[in-house]
Protein backbone atom coordinates (compact mmCIF):
# COMPACT_ATOMS: atom_id res chain seq x y z
CA MET A 1 109.80 101.17 97.67
CA PHE A 2 110.51 103.46 94.92
CA GLY A 3 112.46 100.82 93.02
CA TYR A 4 109.30 98.55 93.36
CA VAL A 5 106.94 101.06 92.23
CA LYS A 6 109.23 102.13 89.31
CA ARG A 7 109.52 98.58 88.05
CA ALA A 8 105.66 98.06 88.21
CA HIS A 9 105.14 101.44 86.43
CA SER A 10 108.14 102.02 84.32
CA ARG A 11 106.68 104.93 82.32
CA ALA A 12 105.68 106.98 85.46
CA ASP A 13 107.74 109.97 86.29
CA GLY A 14 110.22 109.62 89.23
CA ALA A 15 108.66 112.80 90.97
CA ALA A 16 105.15 111.49 90.69
CA ILE A 17 106.21 108.08 92.19
CA ARG A 18 107.84 109.98 95.02
CA GLN A 19 104.84 112.13 95.71
CA ALA A 20 102.52 109.01 95.59
CA ILE A 21 104.75 107.23 98.22
CA ILE A 22 104.79 110.47 100.31
CA THR A 23 100.92 110.70 100.19
CA ALA A 24 100.56 107.00 101.10
CA VAL A 25 102.60 107.43 104.04
CA LYS A 26 100.82 110.57 105.07
CA PHE A 27 97.51 108.72 104.81
CA GLU A 28 98.63 105.80 106.94
CA ASP A 29 99.98 108.25 109.71
CA ALA A 30 96.55 110.10 109.52
CA THR A 31 94.73 106.78 110.24
CA PHE A 32 96.67 106.24 113.39
CA GLU A 33 96.47 109.93 114.41
CA HIS A 34 92.72 109.80 114.17
CA PHE A 35 92.39 106.72 116.17
CA ASN A 36 90.63 107.50 119.61
CA TRP A 37 89.59 104.48 121.77
CA ILE A 38 86.30 105.66 122.97
CA GLY A 39 83.44 103.22 122.45
CA ASP A 40 83.39 100.07 120.37
CA PHE A 41 86.78 99.00 119.19
CA TRP A 42 85.68 98.39 115.46
CA GLU A 43 83.73 101.61 115.31
CA CYS A 44 86.84 103.55 116.47
CA VAL A 45 88.79 101.82 113.71
CA VAL A 46 86.28 102.81 111.08
CA ARG A 47 86.00 106.24 112.43
CA ALA A 48 89.77 106.84 112.25
CA VAL A 49 90.06 105.52 108.69
CA ALA A 50 87.06 107.53 107.70
CA ARG A 51 88.54 110.76 108.94
CA ALA A 52 91.82 109.98 107.15
CA ALA A 53 89.86 109.21 103.96
CA ALA A 54 88.33 112.62 104.13
CA GLN A 55 91.79 114.14 104.13
CA TYR A 56 92.95 111.74 101.37
CA PRO A 57 89.93 110.83 99.09
CA ASP A 58 91.70 109.63 96.12
CA PHE A 59 92.43 106.18 97.21
CA LEU A 60 90.66 102.98 96.18
CA ASP A 61 88.00 101.39 98.49
CA THR A 62 90.26 98.44 98.82
CA THR A 63 92.92 100.66 100.24
CA TYR A 64 90.54 101.92 102.90
CA ARG A 65 89.43 98.39 103.69
CA ASP A 66 93.19 97.42 104.16
CA ALA A 67 93.84 100.52 106.27
CA ARG A 68 90.98 99.38 108.65
CA ASN A 69 92.46 96.05 108.92
CA ASN A 70 95.89 97.48 109.49
CA VAL A 71 94.71 99.94 112.37
CA ALA A 72 92.82 97.04 113.86
CA TYR A 73 95.81 94.82 113.71
CA TYR A 74 98.29 97.17 115.34
CA TYR A 75 95.80 98.34 118.17
CA LYS A 76 94.52 94.90 119.04
């Protein structure tokens, strides 16, 4: 993954790229950790991503949308 990001952002510092990858993985882990299947399935998905987003607020809205779809896909 590092190589892909480095090619896309050739001027970025290697340490910054590593930290961005680590943060993205932690955000994804948090979405699954916060999932609790109580109530409507989609509301559970939205709640899990919202809680993870509160911990990691610096992502784009499209990232949170994609995270909701990802969680829904894996828990279907």
